[in-house]
């Protein structure tokens, strides 16, 4: 039963992180809290779209909000989320390295084949 709850929690976190704009928001606030207009400007989005993504992140407790006058500032709730994002980047980098190695191998095979093909 507890394993299922943990798996559901993981799935919900990954589902929330499944949108690239939400990941970008987390990257933007990595260096420190940002207010909605700063995020909106950096993302190039209107206020309603930015707010929707921030609400999704807040609903899963990935970010917290702090009000200062009329402005709301956002920061990451648990900095360990960045370890997860960093690991995803490492996996992506390895994937690119593997893909590049495969492409290089295919290019070598292509060169061998064209060198061994008699001219017609």
PDB file of N, CA and C in Angstrom:
ATOM      1  N   UNK A   1       0.819  -1.193   0.000  1.00  0.00           N
ATOM      2  CA  UNK A   1       0.000   0.000   0.000  1.00  0.00           C
ATOM      3  C   UNK A   1       0.866   1.261   0.000  1.00  0.00           C
ATOM      4  N   UNK A   2       1.881   1.297   0.855  1.00  0.00           N
ATOM      5  CA  UNK A   2       2.751   2.477   0.923  1.00  0.00           C
ATOM      6  C   UNK A   2       3.524   2.645  -0.377  1.00  0.00           C
ATOM      7  N   UNK A   3       3.960   1.518  -0.971  1.00  0.00           N
ATOM      8  CA  UNK A   3       4.682   1.605  -2.246  1.00  0.00           C
ATOM      9  C   UNK A   3       3.810   2.236  -3.322  1.00  0.00           C
ATOM     10  N   UNK A   4       2.537   1.904  -3.329  1.00  0.00           N
ATOM     11  CA  UNK A   4       1.619   2.466  -4.319  1.00  0.00           C
ATOM     12  C   UNK A   4       1.468   3.969  -4.112  1.00  0.00           C
ATOM     13  N   UNK A   5       1.414   4.404  -2.878  1.00  0.00           N
ATOM     14  CA  UNK A   5       1.310   5.838  -2.587  1.00  0.00           C
ATOM     15  C   UNK A   5       2.559   6.576  -3.060  1.00  0.00           C
ATOM     16  N   UNK A   6       3.706   5.980  -2.828  1.00  0.00           N
ATOM     17  CA  UNK A   6       4.962   6.592  -3.273  1.00  0.00           C
ATOM     18  C   UNK A   6       5.011   6.627  -4.798  1.00  0.00           C
ATOM     19  N   UNK A   7       4.616   5.535  -5.436  1.00  0.00           N
ATOM     20  CA  UNK A   7       4.602   5.506  -6.904  1.00  0.00           C
ATOM     21  C   UNK A   7       3.635   6.552  -7.467  1.00  0.00           C
ATOM     22  N   UNK A   8       2.480   6.700  -6.842  1.00  0.00           N
ATOM     23  CA  UNK A   8       1.526   7.719  -7.278  1.00  0.00           C
ATOM     24  C   UNK A   8       2.109   9.120  -7.110  1.00  0.00           C
ATOM     25  N   UNK A   9       2.790   9.343  -5.989  1.00  0.00           N
ATOM     26  CA  UNK A   9       3.425  10.634  -5.751  1.00  0.00           C
ATOM     27  C   UNK A   9       4.466  10.922  -6.833  1.00  0.00           C
ATOM     28  N   UNK A  10       5.293   9.925  -7.113  1.00  0.00           N
ATOM     29  CA  UNK A  10       6.310  10.091  -8.166  1.00  0.00           C
ATOM     30  C   UNK A  10       5.653  10.417  -9.507  1.00  0.00           C
ATOM     31  N   UNK A  11       4.626   9.675  -9.840  1.00  0.00           N
ATOM     32  CA  UNK A  11       3.942   9.888 -11.120  1.00  0.00           C
ATOM     33  C   UNK A  11       3.372  11.302 -11.208  1.00  0.00           C
ATOM     34  N   UNK A  12       2.809  11.787 -10.118  1.00  0.00           N
ATOM     35  CA  UNK A  12       2.256  13.145 -10.110  1.00  0.00           C
ATOM     36  C   UNK A  12       3.350  14.195 -10.268  1.00  0.00           C
ATOM     37  N   UNK A  13       4.475  13.973  -9.628  1.00  0.00           N
ATOM     38  CA  UNK A  13       5.604  14.911  -9.771  1.00  0.00           C
ATOM     39  C   UNK A  13       6.079  14.922 -11.220  1.00  0.00           C
ATOM     40  N   UNK A  14       6.277  13.734 -11.786  1.00  0.00           N
ATOM     41  CA  UNK A  14       6.749  13.666 -13.174  1.00  0.00           C
ATOM     42  C   UNK A  14       5.712  14.248 -14.143  1.00  0.00           C
ATOM     43  N   UNK A  15       4.438  14.037 -13.849  1.00  0.00           N
ATOM     44  CA  UNK A  15       3.395  14.603 -14.697  1.00  0.00           C
ATOM     45  C   UNK A  15       3.462  16.137 -14.646  1.00  0.00           C
ATOM     46  N   UNK A  16       3.661  16.679 -13.464  1.00  0.00           N
ATOM     47  CA  UNK A  16       3.773  18.133 -13.318  1.00  0.00           C
ATOM     48  C   UNK A  16       5.006  18.650 -14.044  1.00  0.00           C
ATOM     49  N   UNK A  17       6.093  17.915 -13.966  1.00  0.00           N
ATOM     50  CA  UNK A  17       7.335  18.320 -14.639  1.00  0.00           C
ATOM     51  C   UNK A  17       7.302  17.989 -16.129  1.00  0.00           C
ATOM     52  N   UNK A  18       6.228  17.393 -16.585  1.00  0.00           N
ATOM     53  CA  UNK A  18       6.113  16.985 -17.975  1.00  0.00           C
ATOM     54  C   UNK A  18       5.914  18.126 -18.953  1.00  0.00           C
ATOM     55  N   UNK A  19       5.795  19.335 -18.465  1.00  0.00           N
ATOM     56  CA  UNK A  19       5.643  20.486 -19.357  1.00  0.00           C
ATOM     57  C   UNK A  19       6.933  21.304 -19.335  1.00  0.00           C
ATOM     58  N   UNK A  20       7.520  21.553 -20.502  1.00  0.00           N
ATOM     59  CA  UNK A  20       8.809  22.262 -20.558  1.00  0.00           C
ATOM     60  C   UNK A  20       8.786  23.655 -19.922  1.00  0.00           C
ATOM     61  N   UNK A  21       7.655  24.336 -19.961  1.00  0.00           N
ATOM     62  CA  UNK A  21       7.601  25.666 -19.347  1.00  0.00           C
ATOM     63  C   UNK A  21       7.726  25.591 -17.830  1.00  0.00           C
ATOM     64  N   UNK A  22       7.214  24.542 -17.240  1.00  0.00           N
ATOM     65  CA  UNK A  22       7.335  24.387 -15.781  1.00  0.00           C
ATOM     66  C   UNK A  22       8.786  24.131 -15.399  1.00  0.00           C
ATOM     67  N   UNK A  23       9.464  23.349 -16.206  1.00  0.00           N
ATOM     68  CA  UNK A  23      10.892  23.117 -15.951  1.00  0.00           C
ATOM     69  C   UNK A  23      11.659  24.420 -16.126  1.00  0.00           C
ATOM     70  N   UNK A  24      11.290  25.188 -17.128  1.00  0.00           N
ATOM     71  CA  UNK A  24      11.963  26.475 -17.341  1.00  0.00           C
ATOM     72  C   UNK A  24      11.725  27.407 -16.155  1.00  0.00           C
ATOM     73  N   UNK A  25      10.518  27.418 -15.610  1.00  0.00           N
ATOM     74  CA  UNK A  25      10.242  28.226 -14.417  1.00  0.00           C
ATOM     75  C   UNK A  25      11.167  27.804 -13.283  1.00  0.00           C
ATOM     76  N   UNK A  26      11.289  26.512 -13.067  1.00  0.00           N
ATOM     77  CA  UNK A  26      12.181  26.030 -12.003  1.00  0.00           C
ATOM     78  C   UNK A  26      13.620  26.447 -12.256  1.00  0.00           C
ATOM     79  N   UNK A  27      14.037  26.382 -13.515  1.00  0.00           N
ATOM     80  CA  UNK A  27      15.402  26.826 -13.842  1.00  0.00           C
ATOM     81  C   UNK A  27      15.573  28.317 -13.579  1.00  0.00           C
ATOM     82  N   UNK A  28      14.546  29.104 -13.900  1.00  0.00           N
ATOM     83  CA  UNK A  28      14.626  30.549 -13.697  1.00  0.00           C
ATOM     84  C   UNK A  28      14.725  30.927 -12.222  1.00  0.00           C
ATOM     85  N   UNK A  29      14.029  30.183 -11.362  1.00  0.00           N
ATOM     86  CA  UNK A  29      14.069  30.520  -9.937  1.00  0.00           C
ATOM     87  C   UNK A  29      15.200  29.804  -9.196  1.00  0.00           C
ATOM     88  N   UNK A  30      15.996  29.057  -9.931  1.00  0.00           N
ATOM     89  CA  UNK A  30      17.120  28.364  -9.296  1.00  0.00           C
ATOM     90  C   UNK A  30      18.093  29.364  -8.676  1.00  0.00           C
ATOM     91  N   UNK A  31      18.285  30.482  -9.329  1.00  0.00           N
ATOM     92  CA  UNK A  31      19.237  31.479  -8.840  1.00  0.00           C
ATOM     93  C   UNK A  31      18.643  32.370  -7.749  1.00  0.00           C
ATOM     94  N   UNK A  32      17.374  32.235  -7.481  1.00  0.00           N
ATOM     95  CA  UNK A  32      16.718  33.036  -6.454  1.00  0.00           C
ATOM     96  C   UNK A  32      15.288  33.331  -6.841  1.00  0.00           C
ATOM     97  N   UNK A  33      14.547  33.820  -5.872  1.00  0.00           N
ATOM     98  CA  UNK A  33      13.121  34.043  -6.123  1.00  0.00           C
ATOM     99  C   UNK A  33      12.894  35.076  -7.215  1.00  0.00           C
ATOM    100  N   UNK A  34      11.792  34.868  -7.917  1.00  0.00           N
ATOM    101  CA  UNK A  34      11.389  35.769  -9.000  1.00  0.00           C
ATOM    102  C   UNK A  34       9.909  36.073  -8.819  1.00  0.00           C
ATOM    103  N   UNK A  35       9.525  37.282  -9.223  1.00  0.00           N
ATOM    104  CA  UNK A  35       8.097  37.594  -9.167  1.00  0.00           C
ATOM    105  C   UNK A  35       7.448  37.209 -10.493  1.00  0.00           C
ATOM    106  N   UNK A  36       6.139  37.239 -10.498  1.00  0.00           N
ATOM    107  CA  UNK A  36       5.390  36.775 -11.663  1.00  0.00           C
ATOM    108  C   UNK A  36       5.781  37.554 -12.916  1.00  0.00           C
ATOM    109  N   UNK A  37       5.909  38.898 -12.792  1.00  0.00           N
ATOM    110  CA  UNK A  37       6.248  39.662 -14.006  1.00  0.00           C
ATOM    111  C   UNK A  37       7.632  39.333 -14.521  1.00  0.00           C
ATOM    112  N   UNK A  38       8.585  39.055 -13.631  1.00  0.00           N
ATOM    113  CA  UNK A  38       9.919  38.653 -14.089  1.00  0.00           C
ATOM    114  C   UNK A  38       9.840  37.326 -14.832  1.00  0.00           C
ATOM    115  N   UNK A  39       9.087  36.391 -14.290  1.00  0.00           N
ATOM    116  CA  UNK A  39       8.933  35.087 -14.939  1.00  0.00           C
ATOM    117  C   UNK A  39       8.208  35.243 -16.272  1.00  0.00           C
ATOM    118  N   UNK A  40       7.163  36.028 -16.261  1.00  0.00           N
ATOM    119  CA  UNK A  40       6.374  36.256 -17.476  1.00  0.00           C
ATOM    120  C   UNK A  40       7.261  36.833 -18.577  1.00  0.00           C
ATOM    121  N   UNK A  41       8.075  37.803 -18.227  1.00  0.00           N
ATOM    122  CA  UNK A  41       8.965  38.425 -19.214  1.00  0.00           C
ATOM    123  C   UNK A  41       9.997  37.428 -19.733  1.00  0.00           C
ATOM    124  N   UNK A  42      10.599  36.663 -18.828  1.00  0.00           N
ATOM    125  CA  UNK A  42      11.607  35.676 -19.235  1.00  0.00           C
ATOM    126  C   UNK A  42      11.024  34.580 -20.112  1.00  0.00           C
ATOM    127  N   UNK A  43       9.792  34.200 -19.825  1.00  0.00           N
ATOM    128  CA  UNK A  43       9.133  33.131 -20.579  1.00  0.00           C
ATOM    129  C   UNK A  43       8.502  33.633 -21.872  1.00  0.00           C
ATOM    130  N   UNK A  44       8.257  34.938 -21.948  1.00  0.00           N
ATOM    131  CA  UNK A  44       7.593  35.494 -23.118  1.00  0.00           C
ATOM    132  C   UNK A  44       6.129  35.094 -23.192  1.00  0.00           C
ATOM    133  N   UNK A  45       5.491  34.959 -22.026  1.00  0.00           N
ATOM    134  CA  UNK A  45       4.094  34.528 -21.963  1.00  0.00           C
ATOM    135  C   UNK A  45       3.236  35.607 -21.332  1.00  0.00           C
ATOM    136  N   UNK A  46       1.922  35.489 -21.524  1.00  0.00           N
ATOM    137  CA  UNK A  46       1.044  36.428 -20.835  1.00  0.00           C
ATOM    138  C   UNK A  46       0.838  35.961 -19.394  1.00  0.00           C
ATOM    139  N   UNK A  47       0.278  36.843 -18.599  1.00  0.00           N
ATOM    140  CA  UNK A  47       0.145  36.586 -17.165  1.00  0.00           C
ATOM    141  C   UNK A  47      -0.689  35.345 -16.863  1.00  0.00           C
ATOM    142  N   UNK A  48      -1.760  35.124 -17.615  1.00  0.00           N
ATOM    143  CA  UNK A  48      -2.644  33.996 -17.292  1.00  0.00           C
ATOM    144  C   UNK A  48      -1.950  32.657 -17.527  1.00  0.00           C
ATOM    145  N   UNK A  49      -1.192  32.539 -18.608  1.00  0.00           N
ATOM    146  CA  UNK A  49      -0.494  31.278 -18.890  1.00  0.00           C
ATOM    147  C   UNK A  49       0.602  31.046 -17.847  1.00  0.00           C
ATOM    148  N   UNK A  50       1.343  32.096 -17.528  1.00  0.00           N
ATOM    149  CA  UNK A  50       2.390  31.984 -16.510  1.00  0.00           C
ATOM    150  C   UNK A  50       1.773  31.559 -15.180  1.00  0.00           C
ATOM    151  N   UNK A  51       0.677  32.181 -14.807  1.00  0.00           N
ATOM    152  CA  UNK A  51       0.011  31.852 -13.540  1.00  0.00           C
ATOM    153  C   UNK A  51      -0.496  30.418 -13.507  1.00  0.00           C
ATOM    154  N   UNK A  52      -0.996  29.926 -14.637  1.00  0.00           N
ATOM    155  CA  UNK A  52      -1.475  28.536 -14.683  1.00  0.00           C
ATOM    156  C   UNK A  52      -0.336  27.564 -14.380  1.00  0.00           C
ATOM    157  N   UNK A  53       0.826  27.816 -14.968  1.00  0.00           N
ATOM    158  CA  UNK A  53       1.961  26.921 -14.726  1.00  0.00           C
ATOM    159  C   UNK A  53       2.465  27.046 -13.293  1.00  0.00           C
ATOM    160  N   UNK A  54       2.471  28.245 -12.764  1.00  0.00           N
ATOM    161  CA  UNK A  54       2.878  28.430 -11.372  1.00  0.00           C
ATOM    162  C   UNK A  54       1.898  27.738 -10.428  1.00  0.00           C
ATOM    163  N   UNK A  55       0.606  27.795 -10.734  1.00  0.00           N
ATOM    164  CA  UNK A  55      -0.394  27.115  -9.904  1.00  0.00           C
ATOM    165  C   UNK A  55      -0.173  25.602  -9.913  1.00  0.00           C
ATOM    166  N   UNK A  56       0.169  25.056 -11.077  1.00  0.00           N
ATOM    167  CA  UNK A  56       0.432  23.608 -11.158  1.00  0.00           C
ATOM    168  C   UNK A  56       1.641  23.242 -10.305  1.00  0.00           C
ATOM    169  N   UNK A  57       2.678  24.063 -10.347  1.00  0.00           N
ATOM    170  CA  UNK A  57       3.869  23.808  -9.534  1.00  0.00           C
ATOM    171  C   UNK A  57       3.564  23.961  -8.040  1.00  0.00           C
ATOM    172  N   UNK A  58       2.740  24.938  -7.703  1.00  0.00           N
ATOM    173  CA  UNK A  58       2.356  25.134  -6.300  1.00  0.00           C
ATOM    174  C   UNK A  58       1.497  23.973  -5.805  1.00  0.00           C
ATOM    175  N   UNK A  59       0.609  23.482  -6.655  1.00  0.00           N
ATOM    176  CA  UNK A  59      -0.295  22.397  -6.253  1.00  0.00           C
ATOM    177  C   UNK A  59       0.474  21.147  -5.851  1.00  0.00           C
ATOM    178  N   UNK A  60       1.633  20.952  -6.429  1.00  0.00           N
ATOM    179  CA  UNK A  60       2.459  19.783  -6.093  1.00  0.00           C
ATOM    180  C   UNK A  60       3.587  20.142  -5.128  1.00  0.00           C
ATOM    181  N   UNK A  61       3.485  21.321  -4.535  1.00  0.00           N
ATOM    182  CA  UNK A  61       4.467  21.780  -3.545  1.00  0.00           C
ATOM    183  C   UNK A  61       5.890  21.849  -4.083  1.00  0.00           C
ATOM    184  N   UNK A  62       6.017  22.153  -5.360  1.00  0.00           N
ATOM    185  CA  UNK A  62       7.348  22.300  -5.942  1.00  0.00           C
ATOM    186  C   UNK A  62       7.866  23.726  -5.791  1.00  0.00           C
ATOM    187  N   UNK A  63       6.953  24.681  -5.687  1.00  0.00           N
ATOM    188  CA  UNK A  63       7.334  26.074  -5.449  1.00  0.00           C
ATOM    189  C   UNK A  63       6.479  26.635  -4.323  1.00  0.00           C
ATOM    190  N   UNK A  64       7.006  27.690  -3.713  1.00  0.00           N
ATOM    191  CA  UNK A  64       6.246  28.423  -2.705  1.00  0.00           C
ATOM    192  C   UNK A  64       6.139  29.876  -3.150  1.00  0.00           C
ATOM    193  N   UNK A  65       5.120  30.532  -2.655  1.00  0.00           N
ATOM    194  CA  UNK A  65       4.877  31.928  -3.012  1.00  0.00           C
ATOM    195  C   UNK A  65       4.981  32.795  -1.769  1.00  0.00           C
ATOM    196  N   UNK A  66       5.499  33.994  -1.993  1.00  0.00           N
ATOM    197  CA  UNK A  66       5.604  34.991  -0.920  1.00  0.00           C
ATOM    198  C   UNK A  66       5.090  36.308  -1.478  1.00  0.00           C
ATOM    199  N   UNK A  67       4.134  36.885  -0.784  1.00  0.00           N
ATOM    200  CA  UNK A  67       3.551  38.146  -1.244  1.00  0.00           C
ATOM    201  C   UNK A  67       4.287  39.306  -0.588  1.00  0.00           C
ATOM    202  N   UNK A  68       4.605  40.272  -1.436  1.00  0.00           N
ATOM    203  CA  UNK A  68       5.205  41.518  -0.955  1.00  0.00           C
ATOM    204  C   UNK A  68       4.464  42.652  -1.646  1.00  0.00           C
ATOM    205  N   UNK A  69       3.536  43.256  -0.918  1.00  0.00           N
ATOM    206  CA  UNK A  69       2.680  44.275  -1.528  1.00  0.00           C
ATOM    207  C   UNK A  69       1.814  43.633  -2.599  1.00  0.00           C
ATOM    208  N   UNK A  70       1.881  44.179  -3.802  1.00  0.00           N
ATOM    209  CA  UNK A  70       1.090  43.652  -4.912  1.00  0.00           C
ATOM    210  C   UNK A  70       1.810  42.538  -5.660  1.00  0.00           C
ATOM    211  N   UNK A  71       3.079  42.319  -5.340  1.00  0.00           N
ATOM    212  CA  UNK A  71       3.860  41.321  -6.076  1.00  0.00           C
ATOM    213  C   UNK A  71       3.908  39.995  -5.331  1.00  0.00           C
ATOM    214  N   UNK A  72       3.917  38.923  -6.108  1.00  0.00           N
ATOM    215  CA  UNK A  72       4.068  37.582  -5.555  1.00  0.00           C
ATOM    216  C   UNK A  72       5.383  37.030  -6.070  1.00  0.00           C
ATOM    217  N   UNK A  73       6.223  36.595  -5.148  1.00  0.00           N
ATOM    218  CA  UNK A  73       7.533  36.045  -5.481  1.00  0.00           C
ATOM    219  C   UNK A  73       7.509  34.535  -5.293  1.00  0.00           C
ATOM    220  N   UNK A  74       8.152  33.847  -6.225  1.00  0.00           N
ATOM    221  CA  UNK A  74       8.191  32.388  -6.196  1.00  0.00           C
ATOM    222  C   UNK A  74       9.611  31.893  -5.987  1.00  0.00           C
ATOM    223  N   UNK A  75       9.702  30.817  -5.242  1.00  0.00           N
ATOM    224  CA  UNK A  75      10.978  30.148  -5.027  1.00  0.00           C
ATOM    225  C   UNK A  75      10.710  28.646  -4.956  1.00  0.00           C
ATOM    226  N   UNK A  76      11.739  27.863  -5.161  1.00  0.00           N
ATOM    227  CA  UNK A  76      11.576  26.412  -5.103  1.00  0.00           C
ATOM    228  C   UNK A  76      11.385  25.990  -3.644  1.00  0.00           C
ATOM    229  N   UNK A  77      10.499  25.052  -3.417  1.00  0.00           N
ATOM    230  CA  UNK A  77      10.232  24.611  -2.044  1.00  0.00           C
ATOM    231  C   UNK A  77      11.321  23.662  -1.551  1.00  0.00           C
ATOM    232  N   UNK A  78      11.699  22.708  -2.387  1.00  0.00           N
ATOM    233  CA  UNK A  78      12.721  21.735  -1.998  1.00  0.00           C
ATOM    234  C   UNK A  78      13.822  21.741  -3.052  1.00  0.00           C
ATOM    235  N   UNK A  79      14.993  22.282  -2.711  1.00  0.00           N
ATOM    236  CA  UNK A  79      16.082  22.376  -3.689  1.00  0.00           C
ATOM    237  C   UNK A  79      16.522  21.026  -4.268  1.00  0.00           C
ATOM    238  N   UNK A  80      16.121  19.929  -3.642  1.00  0.00           N
ATOM    239  CA  UNK A  80      16.482  18.612  -4.185  1.00  0.00           C
ATOM    240  C   UNK A  80      15.869  18.375  -5.562  1.00  0.00           C
ATOM    241  N   UNK A  81      14.838  19.137  -5.914  1.00  0.00           N
ATOM    242  CA  UNK A  81      14.236  18.989  -7.245  1.00  0.00           C
ATOM    243  C   UNK A  81      15.288  19.266  -8.318  1.00  0.00           C
ATOM    244  N   UNK A  82      16.253  20.114  -7.980  1.00  0.00           N
ATOM    245  CA  UNK A  82      17.301  20.426  -8.948  1.00  0.00           C
ATOM    246  C   UNK A  82      18.228  19.233  -9.180  1.00  0.00           C
ATOM    247  N   UNK A  83      18.374  18.376  -8.187  1.00  0.00           N
ATOM    248  CA  UNK A  83      19.148  17.147  -8.405  1.00  0.00           C
ATOM    249  C   UNK A  83      18.452  16.282  -9.449  1.00  0.00           C
ATOM    250  N   UNK A  84      17.141  16.210  -9.358  1.00  0.00           N
ATOM    251  CA  UNK A  84      16.363  15.449 -10.336  1.00  0.00           C
ATOM    252  C   UNK A  84      16.525  16.046 -11.735  1.00  0.00           C
ATOM    253  N   UNK A  85      16.417  17.360 -11.838  1.00  0.00           N
ATOM    254  CA  UNK A  85      16.572  18.014 -13.138  1.00  0.00           C
ATOM    255  C   UNK A  85      18.003  17.866 -13.672  1.00  0.00           C
ATOM    256  N   UNK A  86      18.980  17.932 -12.773  1.00  0.00           N
ATOM    257  CA  UNK A  86      20.374  17.753 -13.189  1.00  0.00           C
ATOM    258  C   UNK A  86      20.622  16.326 -13.689  1.00  0.00           C
ATOM    259  N   UNK A  87      20.024  15.350 -13.016  1.00  0.00           N
ATOM    260  CA  UNK A  87      20.149  13.960 -13.471  1.00  0.00           C
ATOM    261  C   UNK A  87      19.507  13.770 -14.839  1.00  0.00           C
ATOM    262  N   UNK A  88      18.359  14.417 -15.043  1.00  0.00           N
ATOM    263  CA  UNK A  88      17.707  14.332 -16.360  1.00  0.00           C
ATOM    264  C   UNK A  88      18.623  14.927 -17.422  1.00  0.00           C
ATOM    265  N   UNK A  89      19.312  16.000 -17.095  1.00  0.00           N
ATOM    266  CA  UNK A  89      20.248  16.614 -18.054  1.00  0.00           C
ATOM    267  C   UNK A  89      21.405  15.660 -18.355  1.00  0.00           C
ATOM    268  N   UNK A  90      21.920  14.990 -17.327  1.00  0.00           N
ATOM    269  CA  UNK A  90      23.002  14.029 -17.540  1.00  0.00           C
ATOM    270  C   UNK A  90      22.544  12.884 -18.437  1.00  0.00           C
ATOM    271  N   UNK A  91      21.335  12.396 -18.222  1.00  0.00           N
ATOM    272  CA  UNK A  91      20.793  11.329 -19.063  1.00  0.00           C
ATOM    273  C   UNK A  91      20.668  11.820 -20.499  1.00  0.00           C
ATOM    274  N   UNK A  92      20.192  13.036 -20.682  1.00  0.00           N
ATOM    275  CA  UNK A  92      20.075  13.635 -22.010  1.00  0.00           C
ATOM    276  C   UNK A  92      21.450  13.730 -22.671  1.00  0.00           C
ATOM    277  N   UNK A  93      22.435  14.202 -21.926  1.00  0.00           N
ATOM    278  CA  UNK A  93      23.794  14.320 -22.477  1.00  0.00           C
ATOM    279  C   UNK A  93      24.334  12.956 -22.908  1.00  0.00           C
ATOM    280  N   UNK A  94      24.119  11.934 -22.081  1.00  0.00           N
ATOM    281  CA  UNK A  94      24.575  10.580 -22.443  1.00  0.00           C
ATOM    282  C   UNK A  94      23.859  10.088 -23.691  1.00  0.00           C
ATOM    283  N   UNK A  95      22.587  10.391 -23.787  1.00  0.00           N
ATOM    284  CA  UNK A  95      21.817  10.005 -24.963  1.00  0.00           C
ATOM    285  C   UNK A  95      22.406  10.650 -26.213  1.00  0.00           C
ATOM    286  N   UNK A  96      22.760  11.926 -26.114  1.00  0.00           N
ATOM    287  CA  UNK A  96      23.365  12.613 -27.252  1.00  0.00           C
ATOM    288  C   UNK A  96      24.714  11.991 -27.620  1.00  0.00           C
ATOM    289  N   UNK A  97      25.498  11.661 -26.606  1.00  0.00           N
ATOM    290  CA  UNK A  97      26.802  11.042 -26.865  1.00  0.00           C
ATOM    291  C   UNK A  97      26.610   9.702 -27.564  1.00  0.00           C
ATOM    292  N   UNK A  98      25.651   8.906 -27.077  1.00  0.00           N
ATOM    293  CA  UNK A  98      25.372   7.612 -27.707  1.00  0.00           C
ATOM    294  C   UNK A  98      24.868   7.794 -29.140  1.00  0.00           C
ATOM    295  N   UNK A  99      23.987   8.769 -29.326  1.00  0.00           N
ATOM    296  CA  UNK A  99      23.465   9.027 -30.671  1.00  0.00           C
ATOM    297  C   UNK A  99      24.573   9.487 -31.606  1.00  0.00           C
ATOM    298  N   UNK A 100      25.472  10.317 -31.112  1.00  0.00           N
ATOM    299  CA  UNK A 100      26.591  10.798 -31.929  1.00  0.00           C
ATOM    300  C   UNK A 100      27.513   9.635 -32.305  1.00  0.00           C
ATOM    301  N   UNK A 101      27.768   8.755 -31.345  1.00  0.00           N
ATOM    302  CA  UNK A 101      28.615   7.593 -31.625  1.00  0.00           C
ATOM    303  C   UNK A 101      27.969   6.701 -32.684  1.00  0.00           C
ATOM    304  N   UNK A 102      26.657   6.505 -32.594  1.00  0.00           N
ATOM    305  CA  UNK A 102      25.951   5.702 -33.582  1.00  0.00           C
ATOM    306  C   UNK A 102      26.010   6.366 -34.951  1.00  0.00           C
ATOM    307  N   UNK A 103      25.810   7.661 -35.004  1.00  0.00           N
ATOM    308  CA  UNK A 103      25.889   8.395 -36.264  1.00  0.00           C
ATOM    309  C   UNK A 103      27.285   8.286 -36.872  1.00  0.00           C
ATOM    310  N   UNK A 104      28.312   8.426 -36.042  1.00  0.00           N
ATOM    311  CA  UNK A 104      29.687   8.290 -36.531  1.00  0.00           C
ATOM    312  C   UNK A 104      29.927   6.899 -37.123  1.00  0.00           C
ATOM    313  N   UNK A 105      29.412   5.880 -36.441  1.00  0.00           N
ATOM    314  CA  UNK A 105      29.564   4.505 -36.918  1.00  0.00           C
ATOM    315  C   UNK A 105      28.848   4.318 -38.254  1.00  0.00           C
ATOM    316  N   UNK A 106      27.645   4.849 -38.365  1.00  0.00           N
ATOM    317  CA  UNK A 106      26.901   4.749 -39.622  1.00  0.00           C
ATOM    318  C   UNK A 106      27.623   5.474 -40.760  1.00  0.00           C
ATOM    319  N   UNK A 107      28.200   6.613 -40.455  1.00  0.00           N
ATOM    320  CA  UNK A 107      28.946   7.352 -41.472  1.00  0.00           C
ATOM    321  C   UNK A 107      30.187   6.572 -41.921  1.00  0.00           C
ATOM    322  N   UNK A 108      30.878   5.930 -40.968  1.00  0.00           N
ATOM    323  CA  UNK A 108      32.050   5.093 -41.326  1.00  0.00           C
ATOM    324  C   UNK A 108      31.635   3.926 -42.210  1.00  0.00           C
ATOM    325  N   UNK A 109      30.531   3.272 -41.847  1.00  0.00           N
ATOM    326  CA  UNK A 109      30.040   2.166 -42.664  1.00  0.00           C
ATOM    327  C   UNK A 109      29.668   2.638 -44.065  1.00  0.00           C
ATOM    328  N   UNK A 110      29.041   3.799 -44.151  1.00  0.00           N
ATOM    329  CA  UNK A 110      28.663   4.365 -45.446  1.00  0.00           C
ATOM    330  C   UNK A 110      29.907   4.629 -46.300  1.00  0.00           C
ATOM    331  N   UNK A 111      30.943   5.160 -45.682  1.00  0.00           N
ATOM    332  CA  UNK A 111      32.185   5.429 -46.410  1.00  0.00           C
ATOM    333  C   UNK A 111      32.823   4.133 -46.907  1.00  0.00           C
ATOM    334  N   UNK A 112      32.815   3.112 -46.071  1.00  0.00           N
ATOM    335  CA  UNK A 112      33.380   1.813 -46.465  1.00  0.00           C
ATOM    336  C   UNK A 112      32.598   1.233 -47.635  1.00  0.00           C
ATOM    337  N   UNK A 113      31.270   1.318 -47.544  1.00  0.00           N
ATOM    338  CA  UNK A 113      30.423   0.783 -48.607  1.00  0.00           C
ATOM    339  C   UNK A 113      30.654   1.524 -49.929  1.00  0.00           C
ATOM    340  N   UNK A 114      30.762   2.839 -49.874  1.00  0.00           N
ATOM    341  CA  UNK A 114      30.965   3.599 -51.117  1.00  0.00           C
ATOM    342  C   UNK A 114      32.351   3.390 -51.680  1.00  0.00           C
ATOM    343  N   UNK A 115      33.334   3.129 -50.831  1.00  0.00           N
ATOM    344  CA  UNK A 115      34.694   2.868 -51.308  1.00  0.00           C
ATOM    345  C   UNK A 115      34.794   1.492 -51.963  1.00  0.00           C
ATOM    346  N   UNK A 116      33.999   0.537 -51.481  1.00  0.00           N
ATOM    347  CA  UNK A 116      34.052  -0.832 -51.986  1.00  0.00           C
ATOM    348  C   UNK A 116      33.057  -1.088 -53.119  1.00  0.00           C
ATOM    349  N   UNK A 117      32.277  -0.109 -53.494  1.00  0.00           N
ATOM    350  CA  UNK A 117      31.315  -0.269 -54.569  1.00  0.00           C
ATOM    351  C   UNK A 117      31.988   0.092 -55.883  1.00  0.00           C
ATOM    352  N   UNK A 118      31.983  -0.846 -56.843  1.00  0.00           N
ATOM    353  CA  UNK A 118      32.617  -0.534 -58.129  1.00  0.00           C
ATOM    354  C   UNK A 118      31.836   0.548 -58.877  1.00  0.00           C
ATOM    355  N   UNK A 119      32.560   1.383 -59.587  1.00  0.00           N
ATOM    356  CA  UNK A 119      31.909   2.430 -60.392  1.00  0.00           C
ATOM    357  C   UNK A 119      31.161   1.769 -61.528  1.00  0.00           C
ATOM    358  N   UNK A 120      29.988   2.260 -61.808  1.00  0.00           N
ATOM    359  CA  UNK A 120      29.206   1.703 -62.916  1.00  0.00           C
ATOM    360  C   UNK A 120      29.057   2.707 -64.011  1.00  0.00           C
TER     361      UNK A 120
END
